[in-house]
């Protein structure tokens, strides 16, 4: 066994008996909460496993044991974010109502808006397997918009992919531009009042974009 393999094995070893928790799920939940805070603050590249462990109040080795290191932990954060999104947003919602939910979720620092921004800043143009899976999900969502256009809910003169990107960008704006939100609204962009006001305004605007002017075929 090489030196590198021995080091990897040591990092992946099961925690010692005194390190094990009686409730592994609670321990994993604490690690995930801490990881979201660390990833949101510094991005995946800048995040440190030692800091995540310190935030969670656990031994660093538990992160390797439960999540196979920082990358595995980041993937699990993304998986849970997508699951929360799927629970909150149903296909039978109107598109403006979906945008309201995106705004609310994007403004929550625990739900991925800042993580998505960090991911974009670090994007190299080379797609990983996870990137390809994301791209497939995006294509499916664009097709759902086209179905809404064919049903007459949305104006079919608007490119579906462009409308999707506009909606996603607007939905994450409070998380990505908190300084602009404070300057424009005179309050913290994460406050409930600002989030709800902005969500209503974006949904109204998206609703206008989706309608053909009266008298046009």
Protein backbone atom coordinates (compact mmCIF):
# COMPACT_ATOMS: atom_id res chain seq x y z
CA UNK A 1 0.00 0.00 0.00
CA UNK A 2 1.40 3.39 -0.98
CA UNK A 3 1.81 6.31 1.41
CA UNK A 4 -1.08 8.11 -0.28
CA UNK A 5 -3.36 5.06 0.05
CA UNK A 6 -2.49 4.71 3.74
CA UNK A 7 -3.32 8.37 4.30
CA UNK A 8 -6.63 8.01 2.47
CA UNK A 9 -7.49 4.93 4.51
CA UNK A 10 -6.74 6.80 7.72
CA UNK A 11 -9.00 9.67 6.67
CA UNK A 12 -11.85 7.25 5.91
CA UNK A 13 -11.51 5.12 9.05
CA UNK A 14 -14.53 4.61 11.24
CA UNK A 15 -14.63 6.97 14.23
CA UNK A 16 -13.36 5.64 17.53
CA UNK A 17 -16.04 4.44 19.97
CA UNK A 18 -15.91 7.70 21.97
CA UNK A 19 -16.38 9.66 18.72
CA UNK A 20 -19.51 7.84 17.64
CA UNK A 21 -22.82 9.54 18.32
CA UNK A 22 -25.89 7.81 19.67
CA UNK A 23 -27.94 9.50 16.96
CA UNK A 24 -26.03 9.40 13.64
CA UNK A 25 -28.83 11.19 11.79
CA UNK A 26 -28.72 14.11 14.20
CA UNK A 27 -24.95 14.25 13.86
CA UNK A 28 -25.18 14.25 10.06
CA UNK A 29 -27.82 16.98 10.23
CA UNK A 30 -25.50 19.15 12.34
CA UNK A 31 -22.68 18.59 9.88
CA UNK A 32 -24.92 19.51 6.95
CA UNK A 33 -26.13 22.70 8.67
CA UNK A 34 -22.54 23.68 9.37
CA UNK A 35 -21.50 22.83 5.81
CA UNK A 36 -24.21 25.05 4.34
CA UNK A 37 -23.00 27.97 6.46
CA UNK A 38 -19.36 27.38 5.49
CA UNK A 39 -20.08 26.80 1.78
CA UNK A 40 -22.38 29.85 1.65
CA UNK A 41 -19.73 32.05 3.23
CA UNK A 42 -16.70 30.84 1.25
CA UNK A 43 -17.80 28.63 -1.64
CA UNK A 44 -16.78 25.01 -1.97
CA UNK A 45 -13.19 25.91 -2.91
CA UNK A 46 -12.67 28.17 0.10
CA UNK A 47 -14.52 26.03 2.62
CA UNK A 48 -12.45 24.05 5.09
CA UNK A 49 -13.45 20.69 6.53
CA UNK A 50 -11.89 21.69 9.86
CA UNK A 51 -14.12 24.76 10.04
CA UNK A 52 -17.22 22.72 9.18
CA UNK A 53 -16.35 20.24 11.92
CA UNK A 54 -15.79 23.07 14.41
CA UNK A 55 -19.14 24.68 13.50
CA UNK A 56 -20.89 21.33 13.93
CA UNK A 57 -19.04 20.49 17.15
CA UNK A 58 -17.86 17.12 15.84
CA UNK A 59 -14.59 15.38 15.13
CA UNK A 60 -13.35 16.13 11.60
CA UNK A 61 -13.04 12.42 10.88
CA UNK A 62 -16.81 12.05 11.07
CA UNK A 63 -17.14 14.11 7.89
CA UNK A 64 -14.95 11.64 6.02
CA UNK A 65 -16.78 8.74 7.65
CA UNK A 66 -20.31 9.91 6.82
CA UNK A 67 -19.76 11.89 3.60
CA UNK A 68 -16.40 10.77 2.20
CA UNK A 69 -14.90 14.26 2.56
CA UNK A 70 -15.72 17.78 1.43
CA UNK A 71 -16.81 16.95 -2.12
CA UNK A 72 -19.18 14.25 -0.93
CA UNK A 73 -20.56 16.62 1.66
CA UNK A 74 -21.13 19.31 -0.97
CA UNK A 75 -22.93 16.82 -3.22
CA UNK A 76 -25.19 15.83 -0.33
CA UNK A 77 -26.02 19.48 0.35
CA UNK A 78 -26.99 19.86 -3.31
CA UNK A 79 -29.07 16.69 -3.27
CA UNK A 80 -31.02 17.86 -0.23
CA UNK A 81 -31.52 21.30 -1.76
CA UNK A 82 -33.05 19.71 -4.87
CA UNK A 83 -35.28 17.52 -2.71
CA UNK A 84 -36.53 20.57 -0.77
CA UNK A 85 -37.16 22.36 -4.06
CA UNK A 86 -39.13 19.42 -5.43
CA UNK A 87 -41.28 19.33 -2.28
CA UNK A 88 -42.01 23.08 -2.34
CA UNK A 89 -42.67 23.52 -6.07
CA UNK A 90 -45.24 21.46 -7.93
CA UNK A 91 -45.87 21.36 -11.67
CA UNK A 92 -49.50 22.40 -11.24
CA UNK A 93 -48.48 25.83 -9.88
CA UNK A 94 -48.71 28.79 -12.21
CA UNK A 95 -45.32 30.01 -13.41
CA UNK A 96 -45.53 33.30 -11.44
CA UNK A 97 -46.39 31.33 -8.30
CA UNK A 98 -43.37 29.10 -8.90
CA UNK A 99 -41.20 32.21 -9.14
CA UNK A 100 -42.48 33.36 -5.74
CA UNK A 101 -41.27 30.11 -4.24
CA UNK A 102 -37.90 30.45 -5.99
CA UNK A 103 -37.49 33.94 -4.51
CA UNK A 104 -38.32 32.75 -0.99
CA UNK A 105 -36.01 29.76 -1.24
CA UNK A 106 -33.22 31.71 -2.93
CA UNK A 107 -33.25 34.37 -0.20
CA UNK A 108 -32.81 31.76 2.53
CA UNK A 109 -29.05 31.37 3.16
CA UNK A 110 -29.68 27.72 4.05
CA UNK A 111 -31.38 26.88 0.75
CA UNK A 112 -28.82 27.38 -1.96
CA UNK A 113 -28.96 30.87 -3.53
CA UNK A 114 -25.45 31.82 -2.43
CA UNK A 115 -24.17 28.31 -3.12
CA UNK A 116 -25.35 28.60 -6.72
CA UNK A 117 -23.56 31.94 -7.08
CA UNK A 118 -20.29 30.54 -5.74
CA UNK A 119 -20.62 27.57 -8.06
CA UNK A 120 -21.04 29.90 -11.03
CA UNK A 121 -17.99 31.99 -10.08
CA UNK A 122 -15.86 28.85 -9.94
CA UNK A 123 -17.21 27.29 -13.14
CA UNK A 124 -14.41 26.38 -15.55
CA UNK A 125 -16.52 25.36 -18.56
CA UNK A 126 -15.69 21.70 -18.09
CA UNK A 127 -18.77 19.75 -17.06
CA UNK A 128 -18.55 17.04 -14.43
CA UNK A 129 -21.01 14.17 -14.15
CA UNK A 130 -22.98 16.23 -11.65
CA UNK A 131 -23.00 19.18 -14.07
CA UNK A 132 -24.38 16.95 -16.82
CA UNK A 133 -27.12 15.74 -14.48
CA UNK A 134 -27.96 19.36 -13.68
CA UNK A 135 -28.07 20.23 -17.37
CA UNK A 136 -30.51 17.40 -17.99
CA UNK A 137 -32.76 18.68 -15.20
CA UNK A 138 -32.63 22.16 -16.70
CA UNK A 139 -33.61 20.82 -20.13
CA UNK A 140 -36.59 19.08 -18.54
CA UNK A 141 -37.65 22.31 -16.83
CA UNK A 142 -37.35 24.24 -20.09
CA UNK A 143 -39.56 21.64 -21.76
CA UNK A 144 -42.13 22.16 -19.01
CA UNK A 145 -42.15 25.88 -19.85
CA UNK A 146 -42.70 25.02 -23.51
CA UNK A 147 -45.66 22.89 -22.48
CA UNK A 148 -47.08 25.88 -20.62
CA UNK A 149 -46.57 27.94 -23.76
CA UNK A 150 -48.37 25.39 -25.89
CA UNK A 151 -51.23 25.40 -23.38
CA UNK A 152 -51.51 29.19 -23.70
CA UNK A 153 -50.38 29.96 -20.14
CA UNK A 154 -47.19 31.69 -21.30
CA UNK A 155 -46.42 33.78 -24.38
CA UNK A 156 -44.72 31.46 -26.88
CA UNK A 157 -42.82 34.36 -28.45
CA UNK A 158 -40.46 34.29 -25.48
CA UNK A 159 -37.66 31.74 -25.69
CA UNK A 160 -38.34 29.16 -22.96
CA UNK A 161 -34.68 28.77 -21.98
CA UNK A 162 -34.26 32.56 -21.70
CA UNK A 163 -37.41 32.82 -19.59
CA UNK A 164 -36.09 30.07 -17.31
CA UNK A 165 -32.77 31.87 -16.82
CA UNK A 166 -34.54 35.18 -16.18
CA UNK A 167 -36.71 33.54 -13.56
CA UNK A 168 -33.80 31.79 -11.85
CA UNK A 169 -31.67 34.95 -11.85
CA UNK A 170 -34.47 37.05 -10.41
CA UNK A 171 -35.24 34.36 -7.86
CA UNK A 172 -31.67 34.37 -6.50
CA UNK A 173 -31.08 38.13 -6.66
CA UNK A 174 -31.64 38.81 -2.94
CA UNK A 175 -28.99 36.24 -2.02
CA UNK A 176 -26.52 37.20 -4.74
CA UNK A 177 -26.85 40.99 -4.38
CA UNK A 178 -27.68 41.65 -0.69
CA UNK A 179 -25.87 45.00 -0.82
CA UNK A 180 -28.00 46.17 -3.75
CA UNK A 181 -31.17 44.95 -2.07
CA UNK A 182 -30.34 46.96 1.06
CA UNK A 183 -29.57 50.05 -1.01
CA UNK A 184 -32.74 49.74 -3.08
CA UNK A 185 -35.23 48.71 -0.38
CA UNK A 186 -33.61 50.37 2.61
CA UNK A 187 -33.71 47.12 4.56
CA UNK A 188 -31.94 43.79 4.80
CA UNK A 189 -32.67 41.75 1.66
CA UNK A 190 -33.21 38.69 3.83
CA UNK A 191 -35.95 40.27 5.94
CA UNK A 192 -39.38 38.72 5.59
CA UNK A 193 -40.92 42.02 4.47
CA UNK A 194 -38.42 42.57 1.66
CA UNK A 195 -38.54 38.94 0.54
CA UNK A 196 -42.33 38.91 0.28
CA UNK A 197 -42.49 42.31 -1.41
CA UNK A 198 -39.84 41.33 -3.94
CA UNK A 199 -41.44 37.92 -4.54
CA UNK A 200 -44.78 39.56 -5.33
CA UNK A 201 -43.17 42.07 -7.68
CA UNK A 202 -41.15 39.48 -9.59
CA UNK A 203 -44.18 37.20 -9.91
CA UNK A 204 -46.26 40.10 -11.24
CA UNK A 205 -43.58 41.01 -13.78
CA UNK A 206 -43.20 37.41 -14.92
CA UNK A 207 -46.96 37.24 -15.25
CA UNK A 208 -46.91 40.26 -17.56
CA UNK A 209 -44.16 38.71 -19.67
CA UNK A 210 -46.28 35.63 -20.10
CA UNK A 211 -49.30 37.38 -21.57
CA UNK A 212 -49.85 38.36 -25.19
CA UNK A 213 -51.14 41.91 -25.63
CA UNK A 214 -54.90 42.09 -26.10
CA UNK A 215 -55.95 41.65 -29.72
CA UNK A 216 -52.84 39.73 -30.78
CA UNK A 217 -53.17 36.19 -32.03
